[in-house]
């Protein structure tokens, strides 16, 4: 199934976006569009994907300020994160917000694909927002405050790199899943790649210039994670290449089957 047919087969759902579906449908359509374009970042005229990632960085900073500085103690969300407390405080907040946005993004992106008439339209950037939050998760879980801003810039650059490059596992996910889940999933995988590399950069590079960020065994863990990541990408890149070759062969003979992804 190609990208255009994937949307056109759901063309009957396009009516859900119109006011003829009643006030409830109209409001749902507006909400879905607003979520899909990340409140307008998707309409940025140049590099909307990068704009969506920047929105993710802004959200990350907003959550950090809220949990670390504005006294959200009543919710039990202060502490942890940038003070080395692990998955507590800021890390918990970030994980919860990311999970909620992922679910909302799956729903909104699926509807937005129908409205825009194109699979994973460039205006849909909620996936970049969530992927960027995933990429920055190590900052909220493992590292002391001195590494925060260098890590923030590094995490942003790494996520853009993996989102555009789409190495093995990212490309495999993009081809494997469709609809709103497919829109979101490949960016989450790109975010995981960026998170692993950010972790490694923090422990192997930044710790040489910033005092006592991590223990020695954590440095070894960072290197091992990168090696495992690369191995997985090489394996899945071969799987993607085989799938493309199979699809091309069957397409030439007119024998596309349901298991072939194009």
Foldseek 3Di string as FASTA:
>chain_A
DDFLVVQVVVLVCLCLCDCVVDPVSVVVNVVLLCLQLVNPLLVPPPQSQLSLLVVLLVVLVVLCCVQDPVPPVVVVQHDAQQAANFCGRSLVVLVVVLVVLLVSQLVSQLNVCNNVSGFLDSSGRSLSSSLLSLLLSCNGGAWHDVCNPVLSVQSSVQLVVCVVVVFQVLVLLLQPDGGSNSSNVSSNVSSPLNNLQSQQCCLPPVCVVDPDTDDPVSNVVSVVSNVVVVVVRVVRNVVVVVLVVVVVVCVVVVNDDPVRTD
